[in-house]
């Protein structure tokens, strides 16, 4: 079974902007998958539809066999989402942010507390668990977002620029943890501007341009011995794809 099956997905905004133009894409169960594209290419819209934040115009998305239109309450439990923008209460404590999130998914308090300790240690925030979120550095806030997304043990983790603002040492530690999650079966979907991370971490990738998928395959197939950065820049600068 595929983790995600996207078929002929389109989105036209009220302004007339066609953000997605019949996107079809599969993400295999257990994959570490990258969705790449320039700003405005359609990545955010696609993720927004998948996570229920944006209404599609047409098409279909199925997550582990469940159609998001008919069974979104089931689908949302499969998803852990880390958006680009910080969207937690800056005046709450770190541990409260993570544990309270578990309550939205029906995780019992005792289990949520245990899971929170494990996850906060993994993302190197345990010593900051009683700190108010607004006092954290940008990198720590980013790791808090990941911890919050994982508290209900989702089958799919969606990461939108997860290492933006994170220093190199902490970024390496974060990737080690994500590798561990993926090895245990969590499907990971990633958008990033750090293309070297895609080459090192991801097995498959798709490149979206002007609302259409223009390349899709394994990272090895896409690169063919070249640097992914060069291929990506050639595609987004060249109108003939």
C-alpha atoms as a PDB file:
ATOM      1  CA  UNK A   1       0.000   0.000   0.000  1.00  0.00           C
ATOM      2  CA  UNK A   2       1.174   3.506  -0.777  1.00  0.00           C
ATOM      3  CA  UNK A   3       1.215   5.942   2.117  1.00  0.00           C
ATOM      4  CA  UNK A   4      -0.117   8.748  -0.099  1.00  0.00           C
ATOM      5  CA  UNK A   5      -1.812   8.580  -3.500  1.00  0.00           C
ATOM      6  CA  UNK A   6      -2.537  11.892  -5.224  1.00  0.00           C
ATOM      7  CA  UNK A   7      -4.550  11.792  -8.445  1.00  0.00           C
ATOM      8  CA  UNK A   8      -5.237  14.692 -10.863  1.00  0.00           C
ATOM      9  CA  UNK A   9      -5.135  17.261  -8.059  1.00  0.00           C
ATOM     10  CA  UNK A  10      -5.980  20.823  -9.070  1.00  0.00           C
ATOM     11  CA  UNK A  11      -6.360  24.058  -7.166  1.00  0.00           C
ATOM     12  CA  UNK A  12      -7.536  27.355  -8.620  1.00  0.00           C
ATOM     13  CA  UNK A  13      -7.797  30.268  -6.195  1.00  0.00           C
ATOM     14  CA  UNK A  14     -10.552  32.891  -6.379  1.00  0.00           C
ATOM     15  CA  UNK A  15      -8.021  35.270  -7.922  1.00  0.00           C
ATOM     16  CA  UNK A  16      -7.772  32.912 -10.885  1.00  0.00           C
ATOM     17  CA  UNK A  17      -4.315  31.663  -9.956  1.00  0.00           C
ATOM     18  CA  UNK A  18      -3.884  28.004 -10.898  1.00  0.00           C
ATOM     19  CA  UNK A  19      -1.646  26.723  -8.112  1.00  0.00           C
ATOM     20  CA  UNK A  20      -1.925  23.023  -9.028  1.00  0.00           C
ATOM     21  CA  UNK A  21      -2.606  21.695 -12.521  1.00  0.00           C
ATOM     22  CA  UNK A  22      -3.529  18.043 -12.348  1.00  0.00           C
ATOM     23  CA  UNK A  23      -0.824  16.776 -10.008  1.00  0.00           C
ATOM     24  CA  UNK A  24      -0.564  12.988  -9.696  1.00  0.00           C
ATOM     25  CA  UNK A  25       1.965  11.567  -7.271  1.00  0.00           C
ATOM     26  CA  UNK A  26       2.483   8.505  -5.065  1.00  0.00           C
ATOM     27  CA  UNK A  27       4.560   8.296  -1.885  1.00  0.00           C
ATOM     28  CA  UNK A  28       5.444   4.741  -0.904  1.00  0.00           C
ATOM     29  CA  UNK A  29       4.894   3.497   2.645  1.00  0.00           C
ATOM     30  CA  UNK A  30       8.110   3.913   4.630  1.00  0.00           C
ATOM     31  CA  UNK A  31       9.681   6.271   2.094  1.00  0.00           C
ATOM     32  CA  UNK A  32      11.819   9.322   2.851  1.00  0.00           C
ATOM     33  CA  UNK A  33      10.439  11.594   0.135  1.00  0.00           C
ATOM     34  CA  UNK A  34      11.379  15.123  -0.943  1.00  0.00           C
ATOM     35  CA  UNK A  35       9.039  17.584  -2.667  1.00  0.00           C
ATOM     36  CA  UNK A  36      11.126  20.285  -4.304  1.00  0.00           C
ATOM     37  CA  UNK A  37      10.221  23.502  -6.072  1.00  0.00           C
ATOM     38  CA  UNK A  38      10.849  27.221  -6.159  1.00  0.00           C
ATOM     39  CA  UNK A  39       8.710  29.613  -4.119  1.00  0.00           C
ATOM     40  CA  UNK A  40       5.243  29.717  -5.679  1.00  0.00           C
ATOM     41  CA  UNK A  41       5.659  26.383  -7.479  1.00  0.00           C
ATOM     42  CA  UNK A  42       2.750  24.767  -5.602  1.00  0.00           C
ATOM     43  CA  UNK A  43       4.456  22.914  -2.723  1.00  0.00           C
ATOM     44  CA  UNK A  44       2.659  24.775   0.051  1.00  0.00           C
ATOM     45  CA  UNK A  45      -0.719  24.429  -1.663  1.00  0.00           C
ATOM     46  CA  UNK A  46      -0.243  20.692  -2.116  1.00  0.00           C
ATOM     47  CA  UNK A  47       0.731  20.212   1.529  1.00  0.00           C
ATOM     48  CA  UNK A  48      -2.136  22.467   2.598  1.00  0.00           C
ATOM     49  CA  UNK A  49      -4.666  20.283   0.771  1.00  0.00           C
ATOM     50  CA  UNK A  50      -3.128  17.100   2.156  1.00  0.00           C
ATOM     51  CA  UNK A  51      -3.365  18.422   5.721  1.00  0.00           C
ATOM     52  CA  UNK A  52      -6.868  19.869   5.368  1.00  0.00           C
ATOM     53  CA  UNK A  53      -5.880  23.543   5.480  1.00  0.00           C
ATOM     54  CA  UNK A  54      -6.676  24.258   1.817  1.00  0.00           C
ATOM     55  CA  UNK A  55      -9.722  23.155  -0.172  1.00  0.00           C
ATOM     56  CA  UNK A  56      -8.919  21.505  -3.498  1.00  0.00           C
ATOM     57  CA  UNK A  57     -10.692  22.350  -6.743  1.00  0.00           C
ATOM     58  CA  UNK A  58     -10.632  18.815  -8.129  1.00  0.00           C
ATOM     59  CA  UNK A  59      -8.801  15.511  -7.836  1.00  0.00           C
ATOM     60  CA  UNK A  60      -8.339  12.950  -5.098  1.00  0.00           C
ATOM     61  CA  UNK A  61      -5.985  12.175  -2.221  1.00  0.00           C
ATOM     62  CA  UNK A  62      -5.914   8.790  -0.490  1.00  0.00           C
ATOM     63  CA  UNK A  63      -3.821   8.220   2.647  1.00  0.00           C
ATOM     64  CA  UNK A  64      -3.240   4.591   3.642  1.00  0.00           C
ATOM     65  CA  UNK A  65      -6.356   3.651   1.710  1.00  0.00           C
ATOM     66  CA  UNK A  66      -8.566   6.392   3.229  1.00  0.00           C
ATOM     67  CA  UNK A  67      -9.999   9.150   1.040  1.00  0.00           C
ATOM     68  CA  UNK A  68      -9.427  12.525   2.694  1.00  0.00           C
ATOM     69  CA  UNK A  69     -12.797  13.877   1.518  1.00  0.00           C
ATOM     70  CA  UNK A  70     -14.802  11.128   3.182  1.00  0.00           C
ATOM     71  CA  UNK A  71     -12.524  10.057   6.045  1.00  0.00           C
ATOM     72  CA  UNK A  72     -10.485  13.067   7.079  1.00  0.00           C
ATOM     73  CA  UNK A  73     -10.996  12.388  10.779  1.00  0.00           C
ATOM     74  CA  UNK A  74      -9.149   9.102  10.242  1.00  0.00           C
ATOM     75  CA  UNK A  75      -6.527  10.591   7.931  1.00  0.00           C
ATOM     76  CA  UNK A  76      -5.558  13.391  10.312  1.00  0.00           C
ATOM     77  CA  UNK A  77      -4.506  10.824  12.920  1.00  0.00           C
ATOM     78  CA  UNK A  78      -1.987   9.447  10.423  1.00  0.00           C
ATOM     79  CA  UNK A  79      -0.359  12.847   9.926  1.00  0.00           C
ATOM     80  CA  UNK A  80       2.193  14.791  11.927  1.00  0.00           C
ATOM     81  CA  UNK A  81       2.805  18.213  10.405  1.00  0.00           C
ATOM     82  CA  UNK A  82       5.673  20.653  10.917  1.00  0.00           C
ATOM     83  CA  UNK A  83       4.813  23.903   9.064  1.00  0.00           C
ATOM     84  CA  UNK A  84       7.288  26.637   8.199  1.00  0.00           C
ATOM     85  CA  UNK A  85       5.788  29.184  10.579  1.00  0.00           C
ATOM     86  CA  UNK A  86       5.853  28.812  14.358  1.00  0.00           C
ATOM     87  CA  UNK A  87       2.219  28.354  15.341  1.00  0.00           C
ATOM     88  CA  UNK A  88       2.324  27.401  19.011  1.00  0.00           C
ATOM     89  CA  UNK A  89       1.505  29.563  22.056  1.00  0.00           C
ATOM     90  CA  UNK A  90       4.715  31.448  22.810  1.00  0.00           C
ATOM     91  CA  UNK A  91       3.673  31.887  26.449  1.00  0.00           C
ATOM     92  CA  UNK A  92       3.251  28.176  27.211  1.00  0.00           C
ATOM     93  CA  UNK A  93       5.939  25.897  28.575  1.00  0.00           C
ATOM     94  CA  UNK A  94       7.674  23.495  26.210  1.00  0.00           C
ATOM     95  CA  UNK A  95       6.349  20.327  27.868  1.00  0.00           C
ATOM     96  CA  UNK A  96       2.804  21.723  28.043  1.00  0.00           C
ATOM     97  CA  UNK A  97       2.827  22.491  24.304  1.00  0.00           C
ATOM     98  CA  UNK A  98       3.772  18.925  23.466  1.00  0.00           C
ATOM     99  CA  UNK A  99       1.506  17.198  25.992  1.00  0.00           C
ATOM    100  CA  UNK A 100      -1.514  19.388  25.193  1.00  0.00           C
ATOM    101  CA  UNK A 101      -1.127  18.516  21.512  1.00  0.00           C
ATOM    102  CA  UNK A 102      -1.485  14.851  22.411  1.00  0.00           C
ATOM    103  CA  UNK A 103      -4.898  15.578  23.887  1.00  0.00           C
ATOM    104  CA  UNK A 104      -6.224  16.651  20.466  1.00  0.00           C
ATOM    105  CA  UNK A 105      -5.568  13.107  19.253  1.00  0.00           C
ATOM    106  CA  UNK A 106      -7.031  11.358  22.273  1.00  0.00           C
ATOM    107  CA  UNK A 107      -3.705  10.229  23.740  1.00  0.00           C
ATOM    108  CA  UNK A 108      -4.128   9.552  27.500  1.00  0.00           C
ATOM    109  CA  UNK A 109      -2.227  11.949  29.757  1.00  0.00           C
ATOM    110  CA  UNK A 110       0.060   9.279  31.212  1.00  0.00           C
ATOM    111  CA  UNK A 111       1.124   8.016  27.808  1.00  0.00           C
ATOM    112  CA  UNK A 112       1.474  11.568  26.495  1.00  0.00           C
ATOM    113  CA  UNK A 113       3.778  12.458  29.393  1.00  0.00           C
ATOM    114  CA  UNK A 114       5.940   9.392  28.763  1.00  0.00           C
ATOM    115  CA  UNK A 115       6.073  10.039  25.016  1.00  0.00           C
ATOM    116  CA  UNK A 116       6.890  13.705  25.576  1.00  0.00           C
ATOM    117  CA  UNK A 117       9.903  12.844  27.712  1.00  0.00           C
ATOM    118  CA  UNK A 118      11.229  10.433  25.083  1.00  0.00           C
ATOM    119  CA  UNK A 119      10.721  12.848  22.186  1.00  0.00           C
ATOM    120  CA  UNK A 120      12.050  15.940  23.963  1.00  0.00           C
ATOM    121  CA  UNK A 121      15.208  14.034  24.839  1.00  0.00           C
ATOM    122  CA  UNK A 122      15.586  12.938  21.220  1.00  0.00           C
ATOM    123  CA  UNK A 123      15.316  16.513  19.907  1.00  0.00           C
ATOM    124  CA  UNK A 124      17.600  17.789  22.700  1.00  0.00           C
ATOM    125  CA  UNK A 125      14.948  19.893  24.455  1.00  0.00           C
ATOM    126  CA  UNK A 126      14.516  17.935  27.686  1.00  0.00           C
ATOM    127  CA  UNK A 127      16.564  20.398  29.721  1.00  0.00           C
ATOM    128  CA  UNK A 128      14.326  23.195  28.374  1.00  0.00           C
ATOM    129  CA  UNK A 129      11.055  21.395  29.102  1.00  0.00           C
ATOM    130  CA  UNK A 130       9.960  23.932  31.724  1.00  0.00           C
ATOM    131  CA  UNK A 131      11.052  26.962  29.707  1.00  0.00           C
ATOM    132  CA  UNK A 132       8.480  29.316  28.191  1.00  0.00           C
ATOM    133  CA  UNK A 133       8.510  28.855  24.425  1.00  0.00           C
ATOM    134  CA  UNK A 134       9.219  32.507  23.595  1.00  0.00           C
ATOM    135  CA  UNK A 135      12.562  32.266  25.401  1.00  0.00           C
ATOM    136  CA  UNK A 136      13.840  29.551  23.049  1.00  0.00           C
ATOM    137  CA  UNK A 137      16.225  30.187  20.176  1.00  0.00           C
ATOM    138  CA  UNK A 138      14.952  29.826  16.617  1.00  0.00           C
ATOM    139  CA  UNK A 139      16.519  26.389  16.275  1.00  0.00           C
ATOM    140  CA  UNK A 140      14.977  25.208  19.529  1.00  0.00           C
ATOM    141  CA  UNK A 141      11.558  26.434  18.421  1.00  0.00           C
ATOM    142  CA  UNK A 142      11.972  24.457  15.214  1.00  0.00           C
ATOM    143  CA  UNK A 143      12.774  21.302  17.202  1.00  0.00           C
ATOM    144  CA  UNK A 144       9.773  21.964  19.445  1.00  0.00           C
ATOM    145  CA  UNK A 145       7.587  21.940  16.324  1.00  0.00           C
ATOM    146  CA  UNK A 146       8.940  18.514  15.417  1.00  0.00           C
ATOM    147  CA  UNK A 147       8.377  17.185  18.935  1.00  0.00           C
ATOM    148  CA  UNK A 148       4.788  18.427  18.899  1.00  0.00           C
ATOM    149  CA  UNK A 149       4.135  16.810  15.514  1.00  0.00           C
ATOM    150  CA  UNK A 150       5.383  13.437  16.764  1.00  0.00           C
ATOM    151  CA  UNK A 151       3.557  13.236  20.091  1.00  0.00           C
ATOM    152  CA  UNK A 152       0.666  11.118  18.734  1.00  0.00           C
ATOM    153  CA  UNK A 153       3.087   8.788  16.886  1.00  0.00           C
ATOM    154  CA  UNK A 154       1.886   9.537  13.340  1.00  0.00           C
ATOM    155  CA  UNK A 155       2.524   7.159  10.451  1.00  0.00           C
ATOM    156  CA  UNK A 156       3.430  10.078   8.164  1.00  0.00           C
ATOM    157  CA  UNK A 157       5.573  13.060   9.162  1.00  0.00           C
ATOM    158  CA  UNK A 158       5.346  16.119   6.899  1.00  0.00           C
ATOM    159  CA  UNK A 159       8.250  18.548   7.271  1.00  0.00           C
ATOM    160  CA  UNK A 160       8.090  21.953   5.585  1.00  0.00           C
ATOM    161  CA  UNK A 161      11.615  23.444   5.733  1.00  0.00           C
ATOM    162  CA  UNK A 162      12.348  21.727   9.078  1.00  0.00           C
ATOM    163  CA  UNK A 163      15.966  22.855   9.478  1.00  0.00           C
ATOM    164  CA  UNK A 164      15.546  26.517   8.590  1.00  0.00           C
ATOM    165  CA  UNK A 165      17.384  28.543  11.236  1.00  0.00           C
ATOM    166  CA  UNK A 166      18.962  25.470  12.834  1.00  0.00           C
ATOM    167  CA  UNK A 167      22.739  25.448  13.244  1.00  0.00           C
ATOM    168  CA  UNK A 168      24.818  22.709  11.626  1.00  0.00           C
ATOM    169  CA  UNK A 169      25.457  20.658  14.775  1.00  0.00           C
ATOM    170  CA  UNK A 170      21.810  20.563  15.795  1.00  0.00           C
ATOM    171  CA  UNK A 171      20.727  19.919  12.219  1.00  0.00           C
ATOM    172  CA  UNK A 172      22.902  16.794  12.109  1.00  0.00           C
ATOM    173  CA  UNK A 173      21.380  15.572  15.361  1.00  0.00           C
ATOM    174  CA  UNK A 174      17.886  16.221  14.020  1.00  0.00           C
ATOM    175  CA  UNK A 175      18.580  14.255  10.847  1.00  0.00           C
ATOM    176  CA  UNK A 176      19.928  11.343  12.879  1.00  0.00           C
ATOM    177  CA  UNK A 177      16.647  11.188  14.778  1.00  0.00           C
ATOM    178  CA  UNK A 178      14.616  11.436  11.559  1.00  0.00           C
ATOM    179  CA  UNK A 179      16.635   8.586  10.058  1.00  0.00           C
ATOM    180  CA  UNK A 180      15.810   6.541  13.147  1.00  0.00           C
ATOM    181  CA  UNK A 181      12.097   7.300  12.804  1.00  0.00           C
ATOM    182  CA  UNK A 182      12.141   6.417   9.123  1.00  0.00           C
ATOM    183  CA  UNK A 183      13.999   3.153   9.800  1.00  0.00           C
ATOM    184  CA  UNK A 184      11.212   2.191  12.222  1.00  0.00           C
ATOM    185  CA  UNK A 185       8.590   2.703   9.504  1.00  0.00           C
ATOM    186  CA  UNK A 186       7.518   6.350   9.657  1.00  0.00           C
ATOM    187  CA  UNK A 187       6.958   7.768   6.175  1.00  0.00           C
ATOM    188  CA  UNK A 188       8.579  11.201   5.883  1.00  0.00           C
ATOM    189  CA  UNK A 189       7.701  13.884   3.336  1.00  0.00           C
ATOM    190  CA  UNK A 190      10.111  16.799   3.230  1.00  0.00           C
ATOM    191  CA  UNK A 191      10.404  20.185   1.567  1.00  0.00           C
ATOM    192  CA  UNK A 192      13.740  21.918   1.927  1.00  0.00           C
ATOM    193  CA  UNK A 193      16.061  24.413   0.274  1.00  0.00           C
ATOM    194  CA  UNK A 194      19.078  22.435   1.495  1.00  0.00           C
ATOM    195  CA  UNK A 195      19.431  20.161  -1.517  1.00  0.00           C
ATOM    196  CA  UNK A 196      22.430  18.357  -0.066  1.00  0.00           C
ATOM    197  CA  UNK A 197      20.067  17.069   2.635  1.00  0.00           C
ATOM    198  CA  UNK A 198      17.876  15.538  -0.048  1.00  0.00           C
ATOM    199  CA  UNK A 199      20.853  13.764  -1.593  1.00  0.00           C
ATOM    200  CA  UNK A 200      21.930  12.388   1.782  1.00  0.00           C
ATOM    201  CA  UNK A 201      18.556  11.596   3.347  1.00  0.00           C
ATOM    202  CA  UNK A 202      15.881  10.922   0.740  1.00  0.00           C
ATOM    203  CA  UNK A 203      15.251   7.890  -1.441  1.00  0.00           C
ATOM    204  CA  UNK A 204      12.717   9.445  -3.795  1.00  0.00           C
ATOM    205  CA  UNK A 205      11.900  13.002  -4.842  1.00  0.00           C
ATOM    206  CA  UNK A 206       9.629  15.040  -7.082  1.00  0.00           C
ATOM    207  CA  UNK A 207      10.206  18.488  -8.528  1.00  0.00           C
ATOM    208  CA  UNK A 208       7.184  20.728  -8.977  1.00  0.00           C
ATOM    209  CA  UNK A 209       7.155  23.760 -11.279  1.00  0.00           C
ATOM    210  CA  UNK A 210       4.231  26.077 -12.013  1.00  0.00           C
ATOM    211  CA  UNK A 211       1.803  23.647 -10.399  1.00  0.00           C
ATOM    212  CA  UNK A 212       2.971  20.565 -12.316  1.00  0.00           C
ATOM    213  CA  UNK A 213       5.276  17.670 -11.461  1.00  0.00           C
ATOM    214  CA  UNK A 214       8.150  17.890 -13.941  1.00  0.00           C
ATOM    215  CA  UNK A 215      10.486  15.246 -12.475  1.00  0.00           C
ATOM    216  CA  UNK A 216       9.740  12.268 -10.241  1.00  0.00           C
ATOM    217  CA  UNK A 217      11.793   9.237  -9.267  1.00  0.00           C
ATOM    218  CA  UNK A 218      14.543   7.993  -7.023  1.00  0.00           C
ATOM    219  CA  UNK A 219      17.202  10.522  -6.090  1.00  0.00           C
ATOM    220  CA  UNK A 220      19.741   8.357  -7.921  1.00  0.00           C
ATOM    221  CA  UNK A 221      17.607   8.421 -11.077  1.00  0.00           C
ATOM    222  CA  UNK A 222      17.080  12.172 -10.866  1.00  0.00           C
ATOM    223  CA  UNK A 223      20.715  13.073 -10.354  1.00  0.00           C
ATOM    224  CA  UNK A 224      22.468  10.520 -12.607  1.00  0.00           C
ATOM    225  CA  UNK A 225      25.821  11.452 -11.142  1.00  0.00           C
ATOM    226  CA  UNK A 226      25.179  15.203 -11.192  1.00  0.00           C
ATOM    227  CA  UNK A 227      24.578  17.496  -8.251  1.00  0.00           C
ATOM    228  CA  UNK A 228      20.872  17.850  -7.484  1.00  0.00           C
ATOM    229  CA  UNK A 229      21.347  21.597  -7.025  1.00  0.00           C
ATOM    230  CA  UNK A 230      22.443  21.998 -10.664  1.00  0.00           C
ATOM    231  CA  UNK A 231      19.543  19.905 -11.974  1.00  0.00           C
ATOM    232  CA  UNK A 232      17.051  21.824  -9.820  1.00  0.00           C
ATOM    233  CA  UNK A 233      18.345  25.233 -10.928  1.00  0.00           C
ATOM    234  CA  UNK A 234      18.324  24.186 -14.589  1.00  0.00           C
ATOM    235  CA  UNK A 235      14.694  23.105 -14.314  1.00  0.00           C
ATOM    236  CA  UNK A 236      13.357  26.193 -12.548  1.00  0.00           C
ATOM    237  CA  UNK A 237      15.235  28.569 -14.895  1.00  0.00           C
ATOM    238  CA  UNK A 238      14.372  26.734 -18.104  1.00  0.00           C
ATOM    239  CA  UNK A 239      10.876  27.031 -19.543  1.00  0.00           C
ATOM    240  CA  UNK A 240      11.354  23.855 -21.581  1.00  0.00           C
ATOM    241  CA  UNK A 241      10.936  21.037 -19.068  1.00  0.00           C
END
